[in-house]
């Protein structure tokens, strides 16, 4: 970026910084998050200033950038976390005994690869149907049917001593 373009960008930002912070605050209702949001947008603005400065209504464009950045931030998975009143008991649970591990391995080997993947992701990794489907690149219906079939096979193998 040329020195005159950088000066132009700095001047634009210095004249509108407080306005952008207020808009960001109105979006997220948290001054710290608003500052982070403005910082993100200003970095994008600085990097693309040569192209953006030619926009007809620059203020509206930057407010749109701010809104899009906020919406993008809201979509992030870690934003779905909520504060809990009581911290859950997170002490480690004892793993299965070696003989149990061998039995579990033998049960899982009775499943086909897709059924095994679905059962492990759903019930061992505690993923939702939607998460499992997205991870495997299949539909939620496929995850449900593979889960049901896989669990049925596991029940049969467990009750029949290792045979289907």
N, C-alpha and C. Protein backbone atom coordinates (compact mmCIF):
# COMPACT_ATOMS: atom_id res chain seq x y z
N UNK A 1 0.84 -1.17 0.00
CA UNK A 1 0.00 0.00 0.00
C UNK A 1 0.89 1.24 0.00
N UNK A 2 0.53 2.19 -0.80
CA UNK A 2 1.29 3.44 -0.89
C UNK A 2 1.05 4.28 0.36
N UNK A 3 1.97 5.18 0.62
CA UNK A 3 1.90 6.01 1.82
C UNK A 3 0.64 6.88 1.83
N UNK A 4 0.27 7.43 0.68
CA UNK A 4 -0.93 8.28 0.64
C UNK A 4 -2.20 7.45 0.86
N UNK A 5 -2.23 6.21 0.37
CA UNK A 5 -3.39 5.33 0.61
C UNK A 5 -3.48 4.96 2.08
N UNK A 6 -2.33 4.68 2.69
CA UNK A 6 -2.32 4.33 4.11
C UNK A 6 -2.80 5.52 4.94
N UNK A 7 -2.36 6.71 4.59
CA UNK A 7 -2.78 7.91 5.32
C UNK A 7 -4.29 8.12 5.17
N UNK A 8 -4.80 7.88 3.96
CA UNK A 8 -6.24 8.00 3.71
C UNK A 8 -7.02 6.99 4.55
N UNK A 9 -6.54 5.78 4.62
CA UNK A 9 -7.19 4.73 5.42
C UNK A 9 -7.16 5.10 6.89
N UNK A 10 -6.02 5.54 7.40
CA UNK A 10 -5.89 5.94 8.80
C UNK A 10 -6.85 7.09 9.14
N UNK A 11 -6.95 8.04 8.23
CA UNK A 11 -7.85 9.17 8.46
C UNK A 11 -9.30 8.71 8.52
N UNK A 12 -9.68 7.84 7.58
CA UNK A 12 -11.04 7.30 7.58
C UNK A 12 -11.34 6.59 8.90
N UNK A 13 -10.43 5.74 9.33
CA UNK A 13 -10.63 4.96 10.55
C UNK A 13 -10.69 5.87 11.77
N UNK A 14 -9.79 6.83 11.87
CA UNK A 14 -9.76 7.70 13.05
C UNK A 14 -11.04 8.53 13.16
N UNK A 15 -11.64 8.90 12.04
CA UNK A 15 -12.87 9.71 12.08
C UNK A 15 -14.09 8.86 12.41
N UNK A 16 -14.05 7.55 12.18
CA UNK A 16 -15.24 6.72 12.35
C UNK A 16 -15.10 5.63 13.40
N UNK A 17 -14.00 5.59 14.09
CA UNK A 17 -13.74 4.50 15.03
C UNK A 17 -14.81 4.42 16.12
N UNK A 18 -15.15 5.51 16.75
CA UNK A 18 -16.14 5.47 17.83
C UNK A 18 -17.51 5.05 17.30
N UNK A 19 -17.87 5.51 16.13
CA UNK A 19 -19.14 5.11 15.53
C UNK A 19 -19.15 3.59 15.28
N UNK A 20 -18.05 3.07 14.76
CA UNK A 20 -17.96 1.63 14.49
C UNK A 20 -18.04 0.84 15.79
N UNK A 21 -17.40 1.33 16.85
CA UNK A 21 -17.47 0.64 18.15
C UNK A 21 -18.90 0.62 18.66
N UNK A 22 -19.62 1.72 18.52
CA UNK A 22 -21.02 1.76 18.99
C UNK A 22 -21.90 0.81 18.19
N UNK A 23 -21.70 0.78 16.89
CA UNK A 23 -22.47 -0.15 16.05
C UNK A 23 -22.15 -1.59 16.45
N UNK A 24 -20.89 -1.88 16.66
CA UNK A 24 -20.49 -3.23 17.07
C UNK A 24 -21.10 -3.57 18.43
N UNK A 25 -21.11 -2.61 19.35
CA UNK A 25 -21.71 -2.86 20.66
C UNK A 25 -23.20 -3.15 20.53
N UNK A 26 -23.87 -2.40 19.68
CA UNK A 26 -25.31 -2.64 19.49
C UNK A 26 -25.57 -4.02 18.92
N UNK A 27 -24.64 -4.54 18.14
CA UNK A 27 -24.80 -5.88 17.59
C UNK A 27 -24.60 -6.95 18.66
N UNK A 28 -23.52 -6.81 19.46
CA UNK A 28 -23.17 -7.92 20.35
C UNK A 28 -23.40 -7.64 21.84
N UNK A 29 -23.68 -6.41 22.24
CA UNK A 29 -23.96 -6.05 23.64
C UNK A 29 -22.83 -6.40 24.60
N UNK A 30 -21.61 -6.26 24.14
CA UNK A 30 -20.43 -6.53 24.96
C UNK A 30 -19.30 -5.68 24.41
N UNK A 31 -18.77 -4.77 25.24
CA UNK A 31 -17.75 -3.85 24.75
C UNK A 31 -16.47 -4.57 24.33
N UNK A 32 -16.09 -5.60 25.04
CA UNK A 32 -14.87 -6.33 24.67
C UNK A 32 -15.05 -7.05 23.33
N UNK A 33 -16.19 -7.69 23.17
CA UNK A 33 -16.48 -8.36 21.90
C UNK A 33 -16.60 -7.33 20.77
N UNK A 34 -17.17 -6.17 21.09
CA UNK A 34 -17.30 -5.10 20.09
C UNK A 34 -15.92 -4.63 19.62
N UNK A 35 -14.99 -4.47 20.56
CA UNK A 35 -13.64 -4.07 20.19
C UNK A 35 -12.97 -5.13 19.32
N UNK A 36 -13.17 -6.40 19.66
CA UNK A 36 -12.61 -7.49 18.84
C UNK A 36 -13.20 -7.46 17.44
N UNK A 37 -14.49 -7.23 17.37
CA UNK A 37 -15.18 -7.18 16.08
C UNK A 37 -14.66 -6.03 15.23
N UNK A 38 -14.52 -4.87 15.83
CA UNK A 38 -14.00 -3.71 15.09
C UNK A 38 -12.57 -3.98 14.63
N UNK A 39 -11.77 -4.59 15.48
CA UNK A 39 -10.39 -4.90 15.09
C UNK A 39 -10.35 -5.82 13.89
N UNK A 40 -11.21 -6.83 13.90
CA UNK A 40 -11.27 -7.77 12.77
C UNK A 40 -11.63 -7.04 11.49
N UNK A 41 -12.62 -6.18 11.56
CA UNK A 41 -13.08 -5.46 10.38
C UNK A 41 -12.02 -4.46 9.91
N UNK A 42 -11.37 -3.79 10.84
CA UNK A 42 -10.36 -2.81 10.45
C UNK A 42 -9.16 -3.48 9.78
N UNK A 43 -8.82 -4.68 10.22
CA UNK A 43 -7.75 -5.40 9.55
C UNK A 43 -8.15 -5.72 8.11
N UNK A 44 -9.37 -6.21 7.91
CA UNK A 44 -9.85 -6.50 6.56
C UNK A 44 -9.92 -5.23 5.72
N UNK A 45 -10.34 -4.15 6.35
CA UNK A 45 -10.42 -2.87 5.65
C UNK A 45 -9.04 -2.40 5.22
N UNK A 46 -8.08 -2.49 6.10
CA UNK A 46 -6.72 -2.05 5.78
C UNK A 46 -6.12 -2.87 4.64
N UNK A 47 -6.30 -4.18 4.71
CA UNK A 47 -5.73 -5.06 3.69
C UNK A 47 -6.35 -4.79 2.32
N UNK A 48 -7.64 -4.47 2.30
CA UNK A 48 -8.35 -4.28 1.03
C UNK A 48 -8.65 -2.83 0.73
N UNK A 49 -7.97 -1.90 1.38
CA UNK A 49 -8.30 -0.49 1.24
C UNK A 49 -8.26 0.00 -0.20
N UNK A 50 -7.28 -0.43 -0.96
CA UNK A 50 -7.14 0.03 -2.34
C UNK A 50 -8.42 -0.25 -3.13
N UNK A 51 -9.05 -1.40 -2.91
CA UNK A 51 -10.28 -1.75 -3.62
C UNK A 51 -11.51 -1.12 -2.95
N UNK A 52 -11.55 -1.15 -1.64
CA UNK A 52 -12.74 -0.72 -0.90
C UNK A 52 -12.94 0.79 -0.95
N UNK A 53 -11.88 1.55 -0.98
CA UNK A 53 -12.01 3.02 -0.92
C UNK A 53 -12.80 3.58 -2.09
N UNK A 54 -12.94 2.81 -3.17
CA UNK A 54 -13.68 3.27 -4.35
C UNK A 54 -15.18 3.01 -4.24
N UNK A 55 -15.61 2.35 -3.20
CA UNK A 55 -17.02 2.02 -3.04
C UNK A 55 -17.81 3.32 -2.91
N UNK A 56 -19.01 3.33 -3.49
CA UNK A 56 -19.82 4.55 -3.51
C UNK A 56 -20.19 5.03 -2.11
N UNK A 57 -20.74 4.16 -1.27
CA UNK A 57 -21.12 4.53 0.09
C UNK A 57 -20.23 3.73 1.04
N UNK A 58 -19.07 4.26 1.33
CA UNK A 58 -18.05 3.57 2.11
C UNK A 58 -18.53 3.25 3.53
N UNK A 59 -19.23 4.18 4.16
CA UNK A 59 -19.71 3.94 5.53
C UNK A 59 -20.68 2.76 5.57
N UNK A 60 -21.59 2.70 4.64
CA UNK A 60 -22.53 1.59 4.59
C UNK A 60 -21.81 0.27 4.32
N UNK A 61 -20.81 0.32 3.47
CA UNK A 61 -20.05 -0.88 3.15
C UNK A 61 -19.32 -1.40 4.39
N UNK A 62 -18.71 -0.51 5.14
CA UNK A 62 -17.97 -0.91 6.35
C UNK A 62 -18.94 -1.41 7.41
N UNK A 63 -20.10 -0.79 7.54
CA UNK A 63 -21.11 -1.31 8.49
C UNK A 63 -21.56 -2.70 8.07
N UNK A 64 -21.67 -2.93 6.77
CA UNK A 64 -21.99 -4.27 6.29
C UNK A 64 -20.90 -5.27 6.62
N UNK A 65 -19.64 -4.83 6.48
CA UNK A 65 -18.53 -5.70 6.86
C UNK A 65 -18.61 -6.04 8.35
N UNK A 66 -18.96 -5.05 9.16
CA UNK A 66 -19.07 -5.25 10.60
C UNK A 66 -20.19 -6.24 10.93
N UNK A 67 -21.32 -6.08 10.28
CA UNK A 67 -22.45 -6.98 10.50
C UNK A 67 -22.11 -8.40 10.05
N UNK A 68 -21.49 -8.53 8.89
CA UNK A 68 -21.12 -9.86 8.41
C UNK A 68 -20.10 -10.52 9.32
N UNK A 69 -19.15 -9.75 9.83
CA UNK A 69 -18.15 -10.32 10.74
C UNK A 69 -18.82 -10.79 12.03
N UNK A 70 -19.79 -10.01 12.53
CA UNK A 70 -20.51 -10.41 13.74
C UNK A 70 -21.31 -11.68 13.49
N UNK A 71 -22.02 -11.75 12.36
CA UNK A 71 -22.79 -12.95 12.05
C UNK A 71 -21.87 -14.16 11.90
N UNK A 72 -20.73 -13.97 11.27
CA UNK A 72 -19.78 -15.07 11.11
C UNK A 72 -19.29 -15.54 12.47
N UNK A 73 -19.03 -14.61 13.36
CA UNK A 73 -18.56 -14.96 14.70
C UNK A 73 -19.64 -15.71 15.48
N UNK A 74 -20.89 -15.35 15.28
CA UNK A 74 -22.00 -16.03 15.97
C UNK A 74 -22.16 -17.46 15.49
N UNK A 75 -21.76 -17.77 14.27
CA UNK A 75 -21.90 -19.11 13.72
C UNK A 75 -20.85 -20.07 14.26
N UNK A 76 -19.81 -19.55 14.86
CA UNK A 76 -18.72 -20.41 15.32
C UNK A 76 -19.19 -21.31 16.46
N UNK A 77 -18.78 -22.57 16.45
CA UNK A 77 -19.28 -23.52 17.44
C UNK A 77 -19.01 -23.12 18.88
N UNK A 78 -17.87 -22.52 19.17
CA UNK A 78 -17.57 -22.22 20.56
C UNK A 78 -18.47 -21.12 21.11
N UNK A 79 -19.17 -20.39 20.25
CA UNK A 79 -20.09 -19.38 20.71
C UNK A 79 -21.38 -19.99 21.24
N UNK A 80 -21.61 -21.27 21.00
CA UNK A 80 -22.82 -21.91 21.46
C UNK A 80 -22.70 -22.39 22.91
N UNK A 81 -21.54 -22.24 23.48
CA UNK A 81 -21.34 -22.66 24.87
C UNK A 81 -22.07 -21.69 25.79
N UNK A 82 -22.60 -22.23 26.87
CA UNK A 82 -23.32 -21.42 27.85
C UNK A 82 -22.69 -21.62 29.23
N UNK A 83 -22.75 -20.59 30.04
CA UNK A 83 -22.22 -20.67 31.39
C UNK A 83 -23.18 -21.50 32.24
N UNK A 84 -22.62 -22.41 33.02
CA UNK A 84 -23.44 -23.28 33.87
C UNK A 84 -23.36 -22.80 35.31
N UNK A 85 -24.44 -22.99 36.06
CA UNK A 85 -24.48 -22.64 37.47
C UNK A 85 -23.54 -23.55 38.26
N UNK A 86 -23.56 -24.84 37.94
CA UNK A 86 -22.77 -25.83 38.66
C UNK A 86 -21.81 -26.49 37.68
N UNK A 87 -20.55 -26.60 38.10
CA UNK A 87 -19.57 -27.26 37.26
C UNK A 87 -19.79 -28.77 37.35
N UNK A 88 -19.87 -29.46 36.21
CA UNK A 88 -20.09 -30.91 36.27
C UNK A 88 -18.86 -31.63 36.83
N UNK A 89 -19.11 -32.82 37.37
CA UNK A 89 -18.04 -33.65 37.89
C UNK A 89 -17.24 -34.19 36.71
N UNK A 90 -15.99 -33.77 36.59
CA UNK A 90 -15.18 -34.14 35.45
C UNK A 90 -14.06 -35.11 35.81
N UNK A 91 -14.22 -35.81 36.91
CA UNK A 91 -13.20 -36.80 37.27
C UNK A 91 -13.19 -37.90 36.23
N UNK A 92 -12.01 -38.38 35.87
CA UNK A 92 -11.96 -39.42 34.84
C UNK A 92 -12.63 -40.71 35.31
N UNK A 93 -13.30 -41.35 34.38
CA UNK A 93 -13.93 -42.62 34.65
C UNK A 93 -12.94 -43.71 34.27
N UNK A 94 -12.88 -44.74 35.08
CA UNK A 94 -11.96 -45.83 34.78
C UNK A 94 -12.34 -46.47 33.46
N UNK A 95 -11.35 -46.74 32.63
CA UNK A 95 -11.58 -47.37 31.34
C UNK A 95 -11.92 -48.84 31.51
N UNK A 96 -12.31 -49.46 30.45
CA UNK A 96 -12.65 -50.88 30.55
C UNK A 96 -11.41 -51.72 30.87
N UNK A 97 -11.63 -52.82 31.53
CA UNK A 97 -10.56 -53.76 31.83
C UNK A 97 -10.01 -54.32 30.52
N UNK A 98 -8.77 -54.82 30.52
CA UNK A 98 -8.20 -55.36 29.28
C UNK A 98 -9.08 -56.43 28.64
N UNK A 99 -9.69 -57.29 29.43
CA UNK A 99 -10.53 -58.33 28.83
C UNK A 99 -11.78 -57.70 28.20
N UNK A 100 -12.29 -56.63 28.83
CA UNK A 100 -13.45 -55.93 28.26
C UNK A 100 -13.07 -55.24 26.95
N UNK A 101 -11.86 -54.68 26.91
CA UNK A 101 -11.40 -54.02 25.69
C UNK A 101 -11.33 -55.01 24.53
N UNK A 102 -10.84 -56.19 24.83
CA UNK A 102 -10.77 -57.22 23.79
C UNK A 102 -12.16 -57.60 23.31
N UNK A 103 -13.09 -57.71 24.24
CA UNK A 103 -14.47 -58.08 23.87
C UNK A 103 -15.11 -56.96 23.05
N UNK A 104 -14.89 -55.72 23.47
CA UNK A 104 -15.44 -54.59 22.72
C UNK A 104 -14.85 -54.56 21.31
N UNK A 105 -13.54 -54.80 21.21
CA UNK A 105 -12.90 -54.86 19.90
C UNK A 105 -13.49 -55.94 19.03
N UNK A 106 -13.73 -57.11 19.62
CA UNK A 106 -14.31 -58.22 18.86
C UNK A 106 -15.73 -57.87 18.41
N UNK A 107 -16.50 -57.21 19.28
CA UNK A 107 -17.85 -56.81 18.89
C UNK A 107 -17.82 -55.81 17.73
N UNK A 108 -16.93 -54.83 17.82
CA UNK A 108 -16.86 -53.82 16.77
C UNK A 108 -16.37 -54.40 15.44
N UNK A 109 -15.50 -55.41 15.51
CA UNK A 109 -15.03 -56.04 14.27
C UNK A 109 -16.15 -56.78 13.55
N UNK A 110 -17.24 -57.07 14.24
CA UNK A 110 -18.38 -57.72 13.61
C UNK A 110 -19.15 -56.76 12.71
N UNK A 111 -18.88 -55.48 12.84
CA UNK A 111 -19.58 -54.46 12.04
C UNK A 111 -18.80 -54.14 10.78
N UNK A 112 -19.52 -53.71 9.77
CA UNK A 112 -18.89 -53.20 8.56
C UNK A 112 -18.23 -51.85 8.86
N UNK A 113 -17.38 -51.38 7.97
CA UNK A 113 -16.64 -50.14 8.22
C UNK A 113 -17.53 -48.93 8.49
N UNK A 114 -18.58 -48.75 7.69
CA UNK A 114 -19.45 -47.58 7.88
C UNK A 114 -20.23 -47.68 9.18
N UNK A 115 -20.76 -48.88 9.46
CA UNK A 115 -21.50 -49.06 10.71
C UNK A 115 -20.58 -48.86 11.91
N UNK A 116 -19.37 -49.38 11.80
CA UNK A 116 -18.41 -49.22 12.90
C UNK A 116 -18.11 -47.74 13.12
N UNK A 117 -17.88 -47.01 12.02
CA UNK A 117 -17.59 -45.57 12.14
C UNK A 117 -18.76 -44.83 12.79
N UNK A 118 -19.97 -45.15 12.36
CA UNK A 118 -21.14 -44.47 12.91
C UNK A 118 -21.30 -44.80 14.39
N UNK A 119 -21.18 -46.07 14.75
CA UNK A 119 -21.35 -46.47 16.15
C UNK A 119 -20.27 -45.83 17.03
N UNK A 120 -19.04 -45.85 16.57
CA UNK A 120 -17.96 -45.26 17.37
C UNK A 120 -18.17 -43.76 17.52
N UNK A 121 -18.47 -43.06 16.44
CA UNK A 121 -18.66 -41.60 16.52
C UNK A 121 -19.87 -41.23 17.37
N UNK A 122 -20.95 -41.95 17.18
CA UNK A 122 -22.18 -41.62 17.91
C UNK A 122 -22.10 -41.96 19.39
N UNK A 123 -21.61 -43.15 19.71
CA UNK A 123 -21.73 -43.62 21.08
C UNK A 123 -20.44 -43.58 21.88
N UNK A 124 -19.31 -43.63 21.24
CA UNK A 124 -18.05 -43.51 21.97
C UNK A 124 -17.60 -42.05 22.01
N UNK A 125 -17.68 -41.37 20.88
CA UNK A 125 -17.27 -39.96 20.81
C UNK A 125 -18.41 -39.02 21.20
N UNK A 126 -19.60 -39.56 21.40
CA UNK A 126 -20.77 -38.79 21.84
C UNK A 126 -21.12 -37.65 20.88
N UNK A 127 -21.05 -37.93 19.59
CA UNK A 127 -21.41 -36.94 18.58
C UNK A 127 -22.90 -37.08 18.28
N UNK A 128 -23.53 -35.97 17.92
CA UNK A 128 -24.94 -36.00 17.54
C UNK A 128 -25.09 -36.63 16.15
N UNK A 129 -26.33 -36.90 15.79
CA UNK A 129 -26.60 -37.45 14.46
C UNK A 129 -26.10 -36.48 13.40
N UNK A 130 -26.38 -35.20 13.59
CA UNK A 130 -25.99 -34.18 12.61
C UNK A 130 -24.47 -34.05 12.52
N UNK A 131 -23.79 -34.07 13.67
CA UNK A 131 -22.34 -33.97 13.67
C UNK A 131 -21.71 -35.17 12.97
N UNK A 132 -22.24 -36.35 13.26
CA UNK A 132 -21.72 -37.57 12.65
C UNK A 132 -21.94 -37.54 11.14
N UNK A 133 -23.13 -37.10 10.74
CA UNK A 133 -23.43 -37.03 9.31
C UNK A 133 -22.48 -36.06 8.60
N UNK A 134 -22.27 -34.90 9.20
CA UNK A 134 -21.36 -33.91 8.60
C UNK A 134 -19.94 -34.45 8.56
N UNK A 135 -19.51 -35.11 9.61
CA UNK A 135 -18.15 -35.64 9.67
C UNK A 135 -17.92 -36.71 8.60
N UNK A 136 -18.91 -37.59 8.42
CA UNK A 136 -18.77 -38.68 7.45
C UNK A 136 -19.21 -38.29 6.05
N UNK A 137 -19.86 -37.15 5.91
CA UNK A 137 -20.31 -36.71 4.59
C UNK A 137 -21.51 -37.51 4.09
N UNK A 138 -22.39 -37.89 5.00
CA UNK A 138 -23.60 -38.64 4.64
C UNK A 138 -24.81 -37.91 5.22
N UNK A 139 -25.99 -38.39 4.91
CA UNK A 139 -27.20 -37.76 5.43
C UNK A 139 -27.47 -38.21 6.86
N UNK A 140 -28.29 -37.44 7.56
CA UNK A 140 -28.67 -37.82 8.92
C UNK A 140 -29.45 -39.13 8.92
N UNK A 141 -30.24 -39.36 7.90
CA UNK A 141 -30.98 -40.62 7.79
C UNK A 141 -30.06 -41.82 7.67
N UNK A 142 -28.97 -41.65 6.94
CA UNK A 142 -27.98 -42.73 6.82
C UNK A 142 -27.35 -43.03 8.18
N UNK A 143 -27.04 -41.98 8.93
CA UNK A 143 -26.46 -42.18 10.26
C UNK A 143 -27.45 -42.93 11.15
N UNK A 144 -28.71 -42.54 11.10
CA UNK A 144 -29.72 -43.20 11.93
C UNK A 144 -29.87 -44.67 11.56
N UNK A 145 -29.96 -44.96 10.27
CA UNK A 145 -30.15 -46.35 9.86
C UNK A 145 -28.91 -47.19 10.15
N UNK A 146 -27.72 -46.64 9.92
CA UNK A 146 -26.49 -47.37 10.22
C UNK A 146 -26.33 -47.60 11.72
N UNK A 147 -26.77 -46.63 12.52
CA UNK A 147 -26.73 -46.80 13.98
C UNK A 147 -27.65 -47.94 14.40
N UNK A 148 -28.88 -47.90 13.90
CA UNK A 148 -29.85 -48.93 14.28
C UNK A 148 -29.37 -50.31 13.86
N UNK A 149 -28.90 -50.44 12.64
CA UNK A 149 -28.42 -51.74 12.16
C UNK A 149 -27.17 -52.19 12.92
N UNK A 150 -26.27 -51.28 13.15
CA UNK A 150 -25.05 -51.61 13.87
C UNK A 150 -25.34 -52.05 15.29
N UNK A 151 -26.24 -51.36 15.98
CA UNK A 151 -26.59 -51.75 17.35
C UNK A 151 -27.29 -53.10 17.38
N UNK A 152 -28.12 -53.36 16.39
CA UNK A 152 -28.78 -54.66 16.31
C UNK A 152 -27.76 -55.79 16.13
N UNK A 153 -26.79 -55.58 15.27
CA UNK A 153 -25.74 -56.58 15.07
C UNK A 153 -24.95 -56.77 16.36
N UNK A 154 -24.62 -55.67 17.04
CA UNK A 154 -23.87 -55.78 18.30
C UNK A 154 -24.66 -56.58 19.34
N UNK A 155 -25.97 -56.34 19.42
CA UNK A 155 -26.81 -57.11 20.35
C UNK A 155 -26.78 -58.59 20.01
N UNK A 156 -26.92 -58.90 18.72
CA UNK A 156 -26.91 -60.31 18.31
C UNK A 156 -25.58 -60.97 18.63
N UNK A 157 -24.49 -60.30 18.30
CA UNK A 157 -23.18 -60.88 18.53
C UNK A 157 -22.92 -61.03 20.03
N UNK A 158 -23.34 -60.05 20.83
CA UNK A 158 -23.11 -60.12 22.27
C UNK A 158 -23.91 -61.24 22.93
N UNK A 159 -25.13 -61.48 22.46
CA UNK A 159 -25.96 -62.54 23.06
C UNK A 159 -25.63 -63.91 22.52
N UNK A 160 -25.06 -64.00 21.33
CA UNK A 160 -24.75 -65.30 20.71
C UNK A 160 -23.29 -65.69 20.90
N UNK A 161 -22.59 -65.03 21.80
CA UNK A 161 -21.21 -65.41 22.09
C UNK A 161 -20.25 -65.16 20.95
N UNK A 162 -20.42 -64.10 20.21
CA UNK A 162 -19.48 -63.74 19.15
C UNK A 162 -19.91 -64.13 17.77
N UNK A 163 -21.09 -64.74 17.62
CA UNK A 163 -21.57 -65.13 16.27
C UNK A 163 -22.83 -64.33 15.96
N UNK A 164 -23.02 -64.07 14.70
CA UNK A 164 -24.23 -63.37 14.25
C UNK A 164 -25.41 -64.24 14.30
